[in-house]
Structure formats: C-alpha cells, structure tokens
Protein backbone atom coordinates (compact mmCIF):
# COMPACT_ATOMS: atom_id res chain seq x y z
CA UNK A 1 -0.50 -0.25 -0.39
CA UNK A 2 1.28 3.30 -0.94
CA UNK A 3 0.81 5.98 1.78
CA UNK A 4 -1.03 8.94 0.87
CA UNK A 5 1.18 12.75 1.98
CA UNK A 6 -1.40 13.63 4.58
CA UNK A 7 -2.38 17.11 3.86
CA UNK A 8 -1.39 19.64 6.11
CA UNK A 9 -4.84 20.77 7.01
CA UNK A 10 -7.90 18.69 7.77
CA UNK A 11 -11.20 19.33 8.92
CA UNK A 12 -12.46 17.47 11.72
CA UNK A 13 -13.99 16.79 14.80
CA UNK A 14 -13.04 15.55 18.13
CA UNK A 15 -15.48 13.79 20.50
CA UNK A 16 -14.93 13.02 24.42
CA UNK A 17 -16.58 10.55 26.51
CA UNK A 18 -15.90 9.11 30.45
CA UNK A 19 -14.66 5.79 30.69
CA UNK A 20 -13.72 3.78 33.95
CA UNK A 21 -9.70 4.90 32.81
CA UNK A 22 -10.23 8.85 32.46
CA UNK A 23 -11.56 10.43 29.69
CA UNK A 24 -11.25 9.31 25.95
CA UNK A 25 -10.44 11.85 23.12
CA UNK A 26 -11.48 10.63 19.08
CA UNK A 27 -10.42 13.17 16.42
CA UNK A 28 -12.07 12.47 12.87
CA UNK A 29 -10.60 14.06 10.18
CA UNK A 30 -12.06 13.74 6.70
CA UNK A 31 -9.61 14.41 3.44
CA UNK A 32 -9.31 17.99 2.25
CA UNK A 33 -12.70 17.79 -0.33
CA UNK A 34 -14.79 16.86 2.82
CA UNK A 35 -15.85 13.68 0.92
CA UNK A 36 -13.72 10.83 3.13
CA UNK A 37 -12.45 10.35 6.47
CA UNK A 38 -8.82 9.49 6.46
CA UNK A 39 -7.87 9.78 9.59
CA UNK A 40 -9.22 8.53 13.67
CA UNK A 41 -6.68 9.80 16.58
CA UNK A 42 -6.84 8.81 20.21
CA UNK A 43 -6.49 10.09 23.24
CA UNK A 44 -6.65 8.00 26.55
CA UNK A 45 -5.04 8.13 29.87
CA UNK A 46 -1.62 10.04 30.70
CA UNK A 47 2.05 10.26 28.40
CA UNK A 48 3.63 7.29 28.57
CA UNK A 49 1.29 4.94 29.72
CA UNK A 50 -0.29 1.48 28.57
CA UNK A 51 -4.01 3.20 27.56
CA UNK A 52 -2.75 6.09 25.53
CA UNK A 53 0.11 3.68 23.65
CA UNK A 54 -3.23 1.14 23.04
CA UNK A 55 -5.20 4.18 22.20
CA UNK A 56 -3.05 5.38 19.38
CA UNK A 57 -2.36 2.08 18.19
CA UNK A 58 -6.18 2.09 17.56
CA UNK A 59 -6.61 5.18 15.81
CA UNK A 60 -3.82 4.14 13.87
CA UNK A 61 -5.05 1.17 12.48
CA UNK A 62 -8.40 2.51 12.50
CA UNK A 63 -6.98 5.66 9.75
CA UNK A 64 -4.95 2.52 8.26
CA UNK A 65 -9.22 0.70 7.77
CA UNK A 66 -10.65 4.46 6.30
CA UNK A 67 -7.48 5.47 3.59
CA UNK A 68 -8.21 2.03 2.54
CA UNK A 69 -11.97 2.78 2.17
CA UNK A 70 -13.63 0.81 4.92
CA UNK A 71 -17.08 2.09 6.60
CA UNK A 72 -16.95 3.86 9.52
CA UNK A 73 -20.19 1.51 10.04
CA UNK A 74 -18.23 -1.53 10.33
CA UNK A 75 -15.89 -0.56 12.68
CA UNK A 76 -18.68 0.89 15.06
CA UNK A 77 -19.98 -2.69 14.81
CA UNK A 78 -16.88 -4.02 15.89
CA UNK A 79 -15.88 -2.23 19.03
CA UNK A 80 -19.74 -1.64 19.85
CA UNK A 81 -20.31 -3.46 22.86
CA UNK A 82 -16.99 -4.53 24.00
CA UNK A 83 -16.73 -4.84 27.91
CA UNK A 84 -14.01 -4.69 30.46
CA UNK A 85 -13.51 -4.95 33.88
CA UNK A 86 -13.78 -1.16 34.43
CA UNK A 87 -17.39 0.13 32.96
CA UNK A 88 -18.44 3.88 33.26
CA UNK A 89 -21.78 4.71 33.64
CA UNK A 90 -22.10 5.33 29.86
CA UNK A 91 -19.50 3.36 28.75
CA UNK A 92 -18.90 -0.61 28.88
CA UNK A 93 -14.53 -0.04 27.95
CA UNK A 94 -12.55 2.46 26.36
CA UNK A 95 -13.31 0.56 22.94
CA UNK A 96 -17.55 0.82 23.81
CA UNK A 97 -17.08 4.58 24.45
CA UNK A 98 -15.07 4.93 21.02
CA UNK A 99 -17.38 3.13 19.28
CA UNK A 100 -20.08 5.72 20.78
CA UNK A 101 -18.31 8.63 19.46
CA UNK A 102 -18.53 7.25 15.84
CA UNK A 103 -22.21 6.78 16.70
CA UNK A 104 -22.22 10.68 16.86
CA UNK A 105 -20.58 11.56 14.43
CA UNK A 106 -21.99 9.49 12.26
CA UNK A 107 -25.88 10.58 13.57
CA UNK A 108 -24.81 14.80 13.34
CA UNK A 109 -23.36 13.81 9.64
CA UNK A 110 -27.24 12.99 8.66
C-alpha cells in the first residue's frame, strides 16, 4: 500500500467520552474535499501509559482501514458493546466509548 501524503490542514471533529480509565478523546478528520474520513486520533490516559499506547495503536489501525476504503459503520459494529473490568455509566469499555463517539459523528452527519 502506497502511503498518501497527509495534507497540512484537515477538517474534523473531536468527541469526548468518560470511561473507567478516564476520558477518551477521539478526533476524526476528513480529506480536503470533505468526502471521506482519512484519520482517527485516539487519546486515553497519561503520556507514556499503556492506555495511551493502545489508543494510539487503535487510531492508527482505524486510520489505515479508512484510507483503504473501509466504512466507519463497519468499524463501529466491531467495537460497540465490548466490555472490560472497569465499565463506566455510559461506556462498557474504552473501545465501546470510541464506537459511541463514532455513532454520534454519524448521527451528526445525517
């Protein structure tokens, strides 16, 4: 897969959701035409922590799927409802919280 050059400026949105690990922030950026999602940035926990590393890794993989033409709906279906040992009132886990942010983004686009 040939890597596309990232534009200097991308348009997007950032969502926040509370989890048992603290707040998770998800930024979804579109290409310059606004026709496709091309980037997902996920921030959880403190710098240097395991949760931060997992969030960055998941964001990179989601970005790759989006660049290759995958749908946010399909990604959401895979993450929605995943549970962990530290659920929060609104989210069963960090992946569940991320998928909820994706759902909010999709509903806002309708």
